Amino acid sequence: MTNAQPRKSVGNRKAPALKALAQAGIRLLHKFGPRHADPKTSEKGTTSSPTLIAEWPLSPAATLGSSVRTKGIERELRAQLPWAVRKFVKAETGRIVLRMPESEARAFEAVSAKVSKTVEGIEVLPVLPREAEDVLTISSRERHKWLKDGRLQSIGTRTVKMRGRSKAVTFHVFDPRHIEDVLDRDLASLWREEDAQQVTENRRRGAGKAALTRAGKGCEKVRGAGNNPRDDPPPKLKGWDAFDDEGLLR
């Protein structure tokens, strides 16, 4: 008679990494996500490994209602992570999502902690030039003009080395609260009207100056002729005053 050894139940046991995530308060949506068929093994009926998913809210105060800004936040989050795991983080409408295979549970824990720390200050992340243009619906020319005259207020510059360029690029960045204030007060439309009025006034002044210049040149030509007897002073006749006193010319 054989002695049957009791089998240990593993159905309710959690991996150490998952337990640590739960203690840290990170929201796990699905331990086992939807299965996607592997095209290499779909004929055999096998599927890819389950997926770990965590998400963080992405408020309108952070994105400012801009898809370009949302993409910029995604790039900023990925820049804080190792190259091998950057592709697992994605910024979507209203949320940031991390999806990783269950086999990467330990890496999932580290990435989640890093994303959580970065998300804490996401609402004060400086606004890049392209993001400001998309939020305010303005052109690059308007951004440069309003930045130069102080209507758009820069909080500093950033220098980056862009792919495909030999030299680094330096550009101004903006406070998200300042951009939000310009958007809420519709200052961009007001500034456009002011610029249009200024252009009209400048053209009027330019036309007036041109007219005065042309008139001045015409007077100089008349004075410089010198051959017109009408331009000469009247002759002074001797005894003319006494002749005029007698009233003979009346």
Protein backbone atom coordinates (compact mmCIF):
# COMPACT_ATOMS: atom_id res chain seq x y z
CA MET A 1 0.00 0.00 0.00
CA THR A 2 1.54 3.23 -1.06
CA ASN A 3 1.52 6.32 1.08
CA ALA A 4 -0.01 9.18 -0.86
CA GLN A 5 1.79 12.46 -0.26
CA PRO A 6 -0.51 15.48 0.22
CA ARG A 7 -0.35 17.96 -2.63
CA LYS A 8 0.25 21.62 -1.83
CA SER A 9 -2.46 23.95 -3.03
CA VAL A 10 -1.12 26.77 -5.20
CA GLY A 11 -4.40 28.12 -6.51
CA ASN A 12 -4.59 31.10 -4.13
CA ARG A 13 -0.87 31.79 -3.82
CA LYS A 14 0.33 35.11 -5.31
CA ALA A 15 3.70 35.82 -6.83
CA PRO A 16 5.92 37.98 -4.56
CA ALA A 17 6.01 40.78 -7.15
CA LEU A 18 2.22 40.88 -7.44
CA LYS A 19 1.86 40.87 -3.66
CA ALA A 20 4.24 43.82 -3.37
CA LEU A 21 2.26 45.74 -6.00
CA ALA A 22 -0.97 45.14 -4.13
CA GLN A 23 0.61 46.40 -0.91
CA ALA A 24 1.88 49.50 -2.73
CA GLY A 25 -1.69 50.33 -3.75
CA ILE A 26 -1.13 50.12 -7.51
CA ARG A 27 -4.33 49.25 -9.30
CA LEU A 28 -4.10 45.95 -11.16
CA LEU A 29 -6.90 45.69 -13.68
CA HIS A 30 -6.35 42.13 -14.85
CA LYS A 31 -3.93 39.51 -13.77
CA PHE A 32 -4.84 37.50 -16.80
CA GLY A 33 -5.71 39.77 -19.69
CA PRO A 34 -7.21 38.87 -23.04
CA ARG A 35 -5.31 36.21 -24.91
CA HIS A 36 -4.10 37.03 -28.40
CA ALA A 37 -3.31 34.25 -30.82
CA ASP A 38 0.33 33.97 -31.87
CA PRO A 39 0.39 33.88 -35.68
CA LYS A 40 3.23 31.35 -35.54
CA THR A 41 1.30 28.91 -33.36
CA SER A 42 -2.32 29.73 -34.11
CA GLU A 43 -2.72 26.54 -36.14
CA LYS A 44 -1.69 24.47 -33.13
CA GLY A 45 -4.17 26.26 -30.90
CA THR A 46 -1.60 27.74 -28.49
CA THR A 47 -1.76 31.34 -27.34
CA SER A 48 0.57 34.01 -25.97
CA SER A 49 1.21 34.44 -22.24
CA PRO A 50 -1.27 36.32 -20.00
CA THR A 51 -0.83 40.05 -19.46
CA LEU A 52 -0.40 42.24 -16.39
CA ILE A 53 -2.11 45.62 -16.68
CA ALA A 54 -1.96 48.71 -14.45
CA GLU A 55 -3.34 52.17 -15.10
CA TRP A 56 -3.12 55.72 -13.75
CA PRO A 57 -5.60 58.58 -14.36
CA LEU A 58 -4.57 61.31 -16.80
CA SER A 59 -6.53 64.46 -16.00
CA PRO A 60 -7.46 67.26 -18.45
CA ALA A 61 -5.31 69.61 -16.34
CA ALA A 62 -2.31 67.59 -17.50
CA THR A 63 -3.22 67.14 -21.18
CA LEU A 64 -4.99 70.53 -21.64
CA GLY A 65 -7.31 68.77 -24.09
CA SER A 66 -4.50 68.25 -26.62
CA SER A 67 -3.59 64.99 -28.32
CA VAL A 68 -0.13 66.42 -29.04
CA ARG A 69 0.30 67.13 -25.33
CA THR A 70 -0.86 63.58 -24.49
CA LYS A 71 1.77 62.17 -26.85
CA GLY A 72 4.39 64.42 -25.26
CA ILE A 73 3.49 63.07 -21.81
CA GLU A 74 3.90 59.55 -23.16
CA ARG A 75 7.37 60.39 -24.48
CA GLU A 76 8.31 61.94 -21.13
CA LEU A 77 7.20 58.81 -19.25
CA ARG A 78 9.08 56.52 -21.61
CA ALA A 79 12.22 58.65 -21.33
CA GLN A 80 12.37 57.82 -17.59
CA LEU A 81 12.37 54.06 -18.26
CA PRO A 82 14.95 51.61 -19.60
CA TRP A 83 14.88 51.20 -23.36
CA ALA A 84 13.68 47.57 -23.22
CA VAL A 85 10.42 48.36 -21.38
CA ARG A 86 9.49 51.75 -22.87
CA LYS A 87 7.10 50.24 -25.41
CA PHE A 88 4.87 48.83 -22.64
CA VAL A 89 3.77 52.31 -21.43
CA LYS A 90 1.10 54.16 -23.38
CA ALA A 91 -0.79 57.39 -22.74
CA GLU A 92 -4.41 57.16 -23.79
CA THR A 93 -7.42 59.45 -23.41
CA GLY A 94 -7.91 59.93 -19.68
CA ARG A 95 -5.38 57.36 -18.54
CA ILE A 96 -1.84 55.98 -18.65
CA VAL A 97 -1.67 52.23 -19.18
CA LEU A 98 1.12 49.75 -18.51
CA ARG A 99 0.79 46.34 -20.15
CA MET A 100 3.46 43.68 -19.66
CA PRO A 101 3.57 39.87 -19.90
CA GLU A 102 3.05 38.00 -16.64
CA SER A 103 6.47 36.47 -17.08
CA GLU A 104 7.90 39.97 -16.49
CA ALA A 105 6.26 40.37 -13.07
CA ARG A 106 9.44 41.59 -11.37
CA ALA A 107 10.11 44.18 -14.11
CA PHE A 108 6.41 45.10 -13.98
CA GLU A 109 6.80 46.02 -10.31
CA ALA A 110 9.81 48.26 -10.97
CA VAL A 111 8.25 49.97 -13.99
CA SER A 112 4.99 50.58 -12.11
CA ALA A 113 6.85 52.24 -9.25
CA LYS A 114 8.75 54.47 -11.69
CA VAL A 115 5.61 55.47 -13.59
CA SER A 116 3.77 56.21 -10.31
CA LYS A 117 6.55 58.56 -9.24
CA THR A 118 6.62 60.34 -12.61
CA VAL A 119 2.82 60.72 -12.77
CA GLU A 120 2.83 62.66 -9.48
CA GLY A 121 4.27 65.74 -11.21
CA ILE A 122 2.75 65.29 -14.64
CA GLU A 123 0.41 68.31 -14.34
CA VAL A 124 3.35 70.72 -13.98
CA LEU A 125 5.33 69.23 -16.87
CA PRO A 126 6.50 72.18 -19.07
CA VAL A 127 4.58 72.70 -22.30
CA LEU A 128 6.66 72.29 -25.46
CA PRO A 129 6.27 74.68 -28.45
CA ARG A 130 4.29 72.27 -30.62
CA GLU A 131 2.05 71.44 -27.69
CA ALA A 132 1.37 75.15 -27.04
CA GLU A 133 0.49 75.67 -30.71
CA ASP A 134 -1.96 72.75 -30.62
CA VAL A 135 -3.58 73.79 -27.33
CA LEU A 136 -4.03 77.44 -28.35
CA THR A 137 -4.63 76.73 -32.07
CA ILE A 138 -1.96 79.20 -33.15
CA SER A 139 0.73 79.20 -35.83
CA SER A 140 4.49 79.07 -35.33
CA ARG A 141 4.74 82.67 -36.55
CA GLU A 142 2.25 83.83 -33.91
CA ARG A 143 4.06 81.88 -31.20
CA HIS A 144 7.40 83.50 -32.11
CA LYS A 145 5.87 86.99 -32.30
CA TRP A 146 3.97 86.77 -29.02
CA LEU A 147 6.97 85.21 -27.28
CA LYS A 148 9.20 88.06 -28.50
CA ASP A 149 6.88 90.84 -27.31
CA GLY A 150 6.24 89.14 -23.96
CA ARG A 151 2.61 88.15 -24.34
CA LEU A 152 3.56 84.46 -24.22
CA GLN A 153 5.74 83.99 -21.14
CA SER A 154 8.59 81.50 -21.27
CA ILE A 155 9.77 79.70 -18.13
CA GLY A 156 13.12 78.74 -19.63
CA THR A 157 14.72 76.83 -22.46
CA ARG A 158 15.43 73.20 -23.20
CA THR A 159 18.19 71.82 -25.40
CA VAL A 160 17.82 68.41 -27.04
CA LYS A 161 19.69 66.45 -29.65
CA MET A 162 17.14 65.48 -32.28
CA ARG A 163 17.49 62.41 -34.43
CA GLY A 164 18.83 63.18 -37.89
CA ARG A 165 20.37 66.53 -36.91
CA SER A 166 24.03 67.13 -36.24
CA LYS A 167 23.44 70.07 -33.89
CA ALA A 168 21.35 70.29 -30.75
CA VAL A 169 18.15 72.35 -30.81
CA THR A 170 17.26 74.90 -28.12
CA PHE A 171 13.67 76.06 -27.65
CA HIS A 172 11.49 77.83 -25.09
CA VAL A 173 9.04 75.96 -22.86
CA PHE A 174 5.96 77.30 -21.08
CA ASP A 175 4.18 76.92 -17.77
CA PRO A 176 1.05 74.77 -18.29
CA ARG A 177 -0.97 77.05 -16.00
CA HIS A 178 -0.02 80.09 -18.12
CA ILE A 179 -1.06 78.26 -21.31
CA GLU A 180 -4.31 77.21 -19.61
CA ASP A 181 -4.99 80.85 -18.62
CA VAL A 182 -4.41 82.07 -22.19
CA LEU A 183 -6.78 79.37 -23.43
CA ASP A 184 -9.53 80.06 -20.88
CA ARG A 185 -9.49 83.82 -21.53
CA ASP A 186 -9.26 83.36 -25.31
CA LEU A 187 -6.31 85.75 -25.38
CA ALA A 188 -5.09 84.36 -28.69
CA SER A 189 -8.14 85.80 -30.50
CA LEU A 190 -7.69 89.14 -28.74
CA TRP A 191 -4.01 89.26 -29.69
CA ARG A 192 -4.86 88.54 -33.32
CA GLU A 193 -7.27 91.49 -33.39
CA GLU A 194 -4.64 93.74 -31.83
CA ASP A 195 -2.08 92.63 -34.41
CA ALA A 196 -4.51 93.27 -37.27
CA GLN A 197 -5.24 96.78 -35.97
CA GLN A 198 -1.53 97.46 -35.61
CA VAL A 199 -0.89 96.34 -39.20
CA THR A 200 -3.65 98.66 -40.44
CA GLU A 201 -2.25 101.59 -38.45
CA ASN A 202 1.28 100.92 -39.70
CA ARG A 203 0.08 100.89 -43.30
CA ARG A 204 -1.79 104.19 -42.79
CA ARG A 205 1.28 105.83 -41.28
CA GLY A 206 3.46 104.46 -44.06
CA ALA A 207 1.12 105.85 -46.71
CA GLY A 208 1.12 109.26 -45.01
CA LYS A 209 4.91 109.37 -44.84
CA ALA A 210 5.16 108.36 -48.48
CA ALA A 211 2.75 111.16 -49.47
CA LEU A 212 4.78 113.74 -47.52
CA THR A 213 7.98 112.50 -49.10
CA ARG A 214 6.54 112.81 -52.59
CA ALA A 215 5.23 116.32 -51.83
CA GLY A 216 8.60 117.40 -50.49
CA LYS A 217 10.40 116.17 -53.56
CA GLY A 218 7.93 118.11 -55.78
CA CYS A 219 8.62 121.39 -53.92
CA GLU A 220 12.34 120.90 -54.25
CA LYS A 221 12.00 120.47 -58.00
CA VAL A 222 9.99 123.71 -58.29
CA ARG A 223 12.51 125.65 -56.21
CA GLY A 224 15.40 124.25 -58.14
CA ALA A 225 14.06 125.31 -61.55
CA GLY A 226 15.42 128.92 -61.24
CA ASN A 227 14.30 130.05 -64.73
CA ASN A 228 10.73 131.07 -63.90
CA PRO A 229 10.45 134.89 -63.62
CA ARG A 230 7.53 134.44 -61.22
CA ASP A 231 9.95 133.03 -58.67
CA ASP A 232 12.03 136.28 -58.73
CA PRO A 233 11.27 139.05 -56.16
CA PRO A 234 9.41 142.12 -57.55
CA PRO A 235 11.70 145.01 -58.67
CA LYS A 236 12.18 147.98 -56.28
CA LEU A 237 11.32 151.24 -58.15
CA LYS A 238 12.67 154.59 -56.97
CA GLY A 239 9.93 157.03 -55.84
CA TRP A 240 7.20 154.37 -55.96
CA ASP A 241 6.07 155.05 -52.39
CA ALA A 242 5.38 158.79 -53.08
CA PHE A 243 3.53 157.90 -56.25
CA ASP A 244 1.36 155.49 -54.33
CA ASP A 245 0.60 158.13 -51.63
CA GLU A 246 -0.95 160.47 -54.21
CA GLY A 247 -3.66 157.95 -54.83
CA LEU A 248 -3.16 157.79 -58.52
CA LEU A 249 -3.49 154.00 -58.52
CA ARG A 250 -6.91 154.05 -56.84
